[in-house]
Amino acid sequence: MKKLLLLAALAASSMAVSAQDDVVNMVVNGNFEAPGYEQAVPGEYTWSPVDTWEALSVLPGWTLSTGGVWNGVISLITGEDNAGDGDLRPEEDTNTLLFRGYVNNGWTDITASQIVKNLVPGRKYTLDFLLAESQGQAEKWTPEPNYGYKVSEVDGDKAGKEIVAKTFTEQNVDLELYSDEFIAPADGQVYLTFYLANKYYDDEGRGNYKTDLWMELDLVRIYSEEGDEEAPDSAVAGIINDAAPVELYNLQGVRVNKADAKGIYILKQGNKSTKVIL
């Protein structure tokens, strides 16, 4: 009975959103706004400027790797001073993800990844995100660092066969929108990775020497505009099904028991998800 009341309330208060917004982001915490992250300055960093660099140890939805703090850190830039301007980033978006390369004879190898699930096999999906990056300043041996992303099949809990990928080789210090497309594999999941790599050595085995080596990331989305997209009214009515529980999520991918504020929510039952405005 409670489930039916919830659905009735959602159906009564929901409304259609624009074609651009009427998509469900399959990436968990793709805007990095979800609470529960943890970051602090590593105890090993006792010299300027790295003694002010906070390193994330927990980021909901994501697996982070640097191969050790000596290879660099991944941090969240947070706060009102980092809020979007309403153009590429909405004003309520205050968090961006920052990859910082090691500043002195380092061999940076930083990744942020997650397994994106519940894709429809054979369906076309779009990956888009905002990215800015600095190729760094070289003072010694200087092959170019690698920045980029990979969408791969999932092999156990690791990345399998590559589906699409791109390496960025030109410096762009302002956030820009990037986009790519891929077909979902048969198991309906992909391994998504963003990386900043600088694992190079000269003939004497010394690591690359780079300063000001970084990459900033925000608003990561994987979504599809294919299939029978329905307005929320008909979609909510169509998923009343006692065989599967009804779940409500906010746009950060965090499950909530009820809508605690007006806004956009994701209503999920079984393998069907619908965006609703309450």
Protein backbone atom coordinates (compact mmCIF):
# COMPACT_ATOMS: atom_id res chain seq x y z
CA MET A 1 0.00 0.00 0.00
CA LYS A 2 2.79 2.42 0.92
CA LYS A 3 4.46 1.64 -2.42
CA LEU A 4 1.29 2.47 -4.34
CA LEU A 5 0.87 5.73 -2.41
CA LEU A 6 4.44 6.71 -3.23
CA LEU A 7 3.91 5.98 -6.91
CA ALA A 8 0.64 7.88 -6.95
CA ALA A 9 2.28 10.91 -5.35
CA LEU A 10 5.16 10.81 -7.81
CA ALA A 11 2.81 10.48 -10.76
CA ALA A 12 0.68 13.37 -9.58
CA SER A 13 3.59 15.73 -9.04
CA SER A 14 5.92 14.71 -11.87
CA MET A 15 6.23 16.59 -15.16
CA ALA A 16 8.03 16.07 -18.46
CA VAL A 17 11.54 17.50 -18.73
CA SER A 18 13.28 18.67 -21.87
CA ALA A 19 14.71 16.17 -24.33
CA GLN A 20 18.24 17.19 -23.30
CA ASP A 21 17.60 16.56 -19.59
CA ASP A 22 15.32 13.54 -19.96
CA VAL A 23 18.14 11.02 -19.76
CA VAL A 24 19.37 8.94 -16.87
CA ASN A 25 23.07 9.19 -16.09
CA MET A 26 24.37 5.66 -15.55
CA VAL A 27 27.58 6.93 -13.90
CA VAL A 28 27.36 6.95 -10.11
CA ASN A 29 28.38 10.32 -8.64
CA GLY A 30 29.41 11.63 -12.05
CA ASN A 31 29.28 15.22 -10.79
CA PHE A 32 31.34 14.42 -7.65
CA GLU A 33 28.76 16.10 -5.41
CA ALA A 34 27.83 13.01 -3.35
CA PRO A 35 28.59 13.30 0.38
CA GLY A 36 30.82 10.80 2.14
CA TYR A 37 34.16 11.58 0.49
CA GLU A 38 37.32 11.64 2.62
CA GLN A 39 40.51 13.56 1.89
CA ALA A 40 43.52 14.86 3.83
CA VAL A 41 47.13 15.92 3.26
CA PRO A 42 49.34 12.78 3.30
CA GLY A 43 51.69 12.74 6.25
CA GLU A 44 54.64 12.16 3.93
CA TYR A 45 54.11 15.53 2.24
CA THR A 46 56.02 18.01 4.41
CA TRP A 47 57.39 20.46 1.84
CA SER A 48 55.84 23.27 -0.17
CA PRO A 49 53.64 23.23 -2.18
CA VAL A 50 52.57 19.61 -1.74
CA ASP A 51 52.10 20.03 2.01
CA THR A 52 48.80 21.73 1.11
CA TRP A 53 47.60 19.03 -1.31
CA GLU A 54 44.71 16.97 0.05
CA ALA A 55 44.49 13.40 -1.26
CA LEU A 56 41.20 11.54 -1.56
CA SER A 57 41.02 8.19 0.19
CA VAL A 58 37.27 7.71 -0.41
CA LEU A 59 35.15 9.00 -3.32
CA PRO A 60 31.64 7.45 -3.50
CA GLY A 61 31.09 5.51 -6.71
CA TRP A 62 34.73 5.63 -7.82
CA THR A 63 37.90 3.57 -7.41
CA LEU A 64 41.02 5.76 -7.18
CA SER A 65 44.64 4.76 -7.72
CA THR A 66 47.93 6.63 -7.72
CA GLY A 67 50.31 3.76 -7.01
CA GLY A 68 51.31 5.57 -3.80
CA VAL A 69 51.33 9.23 -2.73
CA TRP A 70 54.77 9.75 -4.28
CA ASN A 71 53.17 9.46 -7.71
CA GLY A 72 50.73 12.32 -7.16
CA VAL A 73 47.31 12.79 -5.61
CA ILE A 74 43.63 12.94 -6.56
CA SER A 75 41.67 15.69 -4.80
CA LEU A 76 38.23 17.26 -4.81
CA ILE A 77 38.13 21.00 -5.36
CA THR A 78 35.12 22.07 -3.30
CA GLY A 79 33.23 25.10 -2.04
CA GLU A 80 31.32 28.10 -3.31
CA ASP A 81 34.42 29.58 -4.92
CA ASN A 82 34.39 26.56 -7.24
CA ALA A 83 30.68 26.81 -8.12
CA GLY A 84 29.61 26.65 -11.74
CA ASP A 85 28.76 29.78 -13.70
CA GLY A 86 25.54 28.38 -15.16
CA ASP A 87 27.12 27.81 -18.58
CA LEU A 88 28.95 24.48 -18.85
CA ARG A 89 28.48 23.84 -15.13
CA PRO A 90 25.27 24.56 -13.20
CA GLU A 91 25.58 27.00 -10.31
CA GLU A 92 24.81 24.29 -7.75
CA ASP A 93 27.79 22.25 -8.95
CA THR A 94 30.63 23.07 -6.54
CA ASN A 95 32.92 20.02 -6.79
CA THR A 96 35.42 19.05 -9.49
CA LEU A 97 37.95 16.22 -9.47
CA LEU A 98 41.63 17.18 -9.75
CA PHE A 99 44.51 14.86 -10.69
CA ARG A 100 47.86 16.33 -9.57
CA GLY A 101 51.10 14.89 -10.94
CA TYR A 102 54.24 14.59 -8.87
CA VAL A 103 56.39 17.73 -9.12
CA ASN A 104 59.98 16.47 -8.89
CA ASN A 105 61.42 13.59 -10.93
CA GLY A 106 58.13 11.72 -10.64
CA TRP A 107 56.46 8.88 -12.52
CA THR A 108 52.82 9.82 -12.17
CA ASP A 109 50.23 7.08 -12.75
CA ILE A 110 46.80 8.29 -11.60
CA THR A 111 43.42 6.71 -12.42
CA ALA A 112 39.79 7.16 -11.42
CA SER A 113 37.48 4.36 -12.54
CA GLN A 114 34.17 2.64 -11.98
CA ILE A 115 32.16 -0.24 -13.40
CA VAL A 116 29.05 1.25 -15.01
CA LYS A 117 26.19 -1.25 -14.83
CA ASN A 118 22.64 -1.80 -16.09
CA LEU A 119 23.29 -0.76 -19.69
CA VAL A 120 21.06 -2.27 -22.39
CA PRO A 121 23.17 -4.69 -24.48
CA GLY A 122 23.54 -3.54 -28.07
CA ARG A 123 22.24 -0.04 -27.37
CA LYS A 124 24.24 3.07 -28.32
CA TYR A 125 25.43 5.16 -25.37
CA THR A 126 27.07 8.55 -25.13
CA LEU A 127 29.93 9.36 -22.77
CA ASP A 128 30.43 13.04 -22.11
CA PHE A 129 32.33 15.04 -19.51
CA LEU A 130 34.12 18.32 -18.84
CA LEU A 131 37.92 18.21 -18.90
CA ALA A 132 40.81 20.65 -18.48
CA GLU A 133 44.49 19.70 -18.36
CA SER A 134 48.04 21.00 -18.28
CA GLN A 135 50.81 19.13 -20.05
CA GLY A 136 53.26 20.52 -17.51
CA GLN A 137 56.58 22.30 -17.73
CA ALA A 138 59.63 20.19 -18.58
CA GLU A 139 63.06 20.76 -17.07
CA LYS A 140 64.71 17.46 -17.98
CA TRP A 141 64.05 14.46 -20.22
CA THR A 142 60.58 15.13 -21.64
CA PRO A 143 58.41 12.61 -23.49
CA GLU A 144 54.81 13.77 -23.44
CA PRO A 145 52.60 12.67 -20.53
CA ASN A 146 49.38 10.80 -21.31
CA TYR A 147 45.91 12.02 -20.36
CA GLY A 148 42.72 10.39 -21.43
CA TYR A 149 39.86 7.97 -20.93
CA LYS A 150 39.00 4.39 -21.76
CA VAL A 151 35.70 2.54 -21.98
CA SER A 152 36.32 -1.20 -21.82
CA GLU A 153 34.51 -4.45 -21.33
CA VAL A 154 34.50 -5.78 -17.77
CA ASP A 155 36.74 -8.75 -16.96
CA GLY A 156 35.91 -9.79 -13.40
CA ASP A 157 36.61 -6.60 -11.44
CA LYS A 158 39.11 -5.26 -13.99
CA ALA A 159 39.08 -3.63 -17.42
CA GLY A 160 38.88 -6.06 -20.30
CA LYS A 161 38.83 -5.50 -24.06
CA GLU A 162 38.89 -1.82 -24.98
CA ILE A 163 35.75 -0.40 -26.65
CA VAL A 164 36.60 3.30 -27.13
CA ALA A 165 39.49 5.42 -25.86
CA LYS A 166 41.18 8.76 -26.40
CA THR A 167 44.50 10.27 -25.40
CA PHE A 168 44.74 14.05 -25.13
CA THR A 169 48.00 15.54 -26.38
CA GLU A 170 47.20 19.26 -26.57
CA GLN A 171 47.10 21.43 -23.49
CA ASN A 172 43.75 23.00 -22.57
CA VAL A 173 43.62 24.69 -19.16
CA ASP A 174 39.91 25.60 -19.34
CA LEU A 175 37.10 23.08 -18.87
CA GLU A 176 35.64 21.95 -22.19
CA LEU A 177 32.95 19.44 -23.10
CA TYR A 178 34.13 16.18 -24.67
CA SER A 179 31.92 13.42 -26.04
CA ASP A 180 32.20 9.90 -27.47
CA GLU A 181 29.82 7.06 -28.34
CA PHE A 182 29.93 3.30 -27.90
CA ILE A 183 27.72 0.22 -28.08
CA ALA A 184 26.98 -1.52 -24.78
CA PRO A 185 28.42 -5.06 -24.62
CA ALA A 186 26.41 -8.21 -24.03
CA ASP A 187 26.72 -8.17 -20.23
CA GLY A 188 25.36 -4.61 -19.98
CA GLN A 189 28.31 -3.11 -18.16
CA VAL A 190 31.52 -1.23 -18.99
CA TYR A 191 34.70 -0.32 -17.17
CA LEU A 192 35.20 3.46 -17.32
CA THR A 193 38.64 4.91 -16.59
CA PHE A 194 40.12 8.41 -16.61
CA TYR A 195 43.88 8.55 -16.32
CA LEU A 196 46.89 10.83 -16.06
CA ALA A 197 50.05 8.87 -16.76
CA ASN A 198 53.67 9.99 -16.89
CA LYS A 199 55.41 6.63 -16.43
CA TYR A 200 58.52 7.27 -18.51
CA TYR A 201 62.22 6.78 -17.83
CA ASP A 202 65.37 8.00 -19.50
CA ASP A 203 68.31 5.77 -20.44
CA GLU A 204 69.66 6.02 -16.90
CA GLY A 205 66.39 4.90 -15.32
CA ARG A 206 65.42 8.33 -14.01
CA GLY A 207 61.78 9.34 -14.01
CA ASN A 208 60.40 12.18 -16.06
CA TYR A 209 60.78 15.65 -14.52
CA LYS A 210 57.57 17.64 -14.86
CA THR A 211 56.02 20.51 -12.92
CA ASP A 212 52.46 21.83 -13.06
CA LEU A 213 51.14 18.48 -14.31
CA TRP A 214 47.37 18.21 -13.70
CA MET A 215 43.95 17.27 -15.07
CA GLU A 216 40.52 18.51 -13.88
CA LEU A 217 37.29 16.56 -14.47
CA ASP A 218 33.57 17.17 -13.92
CA LEU A 219 30.05 16.15 -14.97
CA VAL A 220 30.84 12.66 -16.23
CA ARG A 221 27.79 11.06 -17.87
CA ILE A 222 26.96 7.86 -19.71
CA TYR A 223 23.43 7.91 -21.13
CA SER A 224 21.31 6.75 -24.04
CA GLU A 225 18.62 8.51 -26.01
CA GLU A 226 17.58 5.30 -27.76
CA GLY A 227 14.63 3.14 -26.83
CA ASP A 228 11.06 3.93 -25.77
CA GLU A 229 11.66 7.05 -23.68
CA GLU A 230 8.40 8.01 -21.97
CA ALA A 231 7.21 11.09 -20.12
CA PRO A 232 7.40 10.53 -16.34
CA ASP A 233 3.58 10.38 -15.92
CA SER A 234 3.13 7.35 -18.15
CA ALA A 235 6.44 5.82 -17.10
CA VAL A 236 5.57 5.90 -13.39
CA ALA A 237 2.16 4.39 -14.06
CA GLY A 238 3.76 1.69 -16.19
CA ILE A 239 6.18 0.39 -13.59
CA ILE A 240 3.74 -0.43 -10.82
CA ASN A 241 4.85 -3.99 -10.32
CA ASP A 242 4.74 -5.80 -7.00
CA ALA A 243 7.47 -8.19 -8.17
CA ALA A 244 10.20 -5.52 -7.96
CA PRO A 245 10.82 -2.89 -5.25
CA VAL A 246 10.54 0.80 -6.03
CA GLU A 247 13.67 2.83 -5.32
CA LEU A 248 14.20 6.59 -5.33
CA TYR A 249 17.63 8.18 -5.93
CA ASN A 250 18.93 11.75 -6.05
CA LEU A 251 21.11 12.90 -8.95
CA GLN A 252 24.25 12.03 -6.98
CA GLY A 253 23.22 8.37 -7.18
CA VAL A 254 22.42 8.20 -3.46
CA ARG A 255 19.28 6.27 -2.54
CA VAL A 256 16.73 8.23 -0.49
CA ASN A 257 13.61 7.10 1.34
CA LYS A 258 11.60 10.10 0.21
CA ALA A 259 12.04 13.34 -1.70
CA ASP A 260 13.43 15.71 0.92
CA ALA A 261 13.44 18.75 -1.38
CA LYS A 262 11.96 19.83 -4.68
CA GLY A 263 14.05 18.85 -7.66
CA ILE A 264 14.89 16.05 -10.08
CA TYR A 265 15.01 12.46 -8.84
CA ILE A 266 15.51 9.05 -10.44
CA LEU A 267 12.75 6.49 -9.90
CA LYS A 268 13.94 2.91 -10.38
CA GLN A 269 12.10 -0.41 -10.41
CA GLY A 270 13.76 -3.54 -11.68
CA ASN A 271 15.84 -2.62 -14.73
CA LYS A 272 13.80 0.46 -15.60
CA SER A 273 14.77 3.97 -14.46
CA THR A 274 12.83 7.17 -15.00
CA LYS A 275 13.75 10.77 -14.21
CA VAL A 276 10.99 12.70 -12.43
CA ILE A 277 10.64 16.26 -11.18
CA LEU A 278 9.01 16.64 -7.74
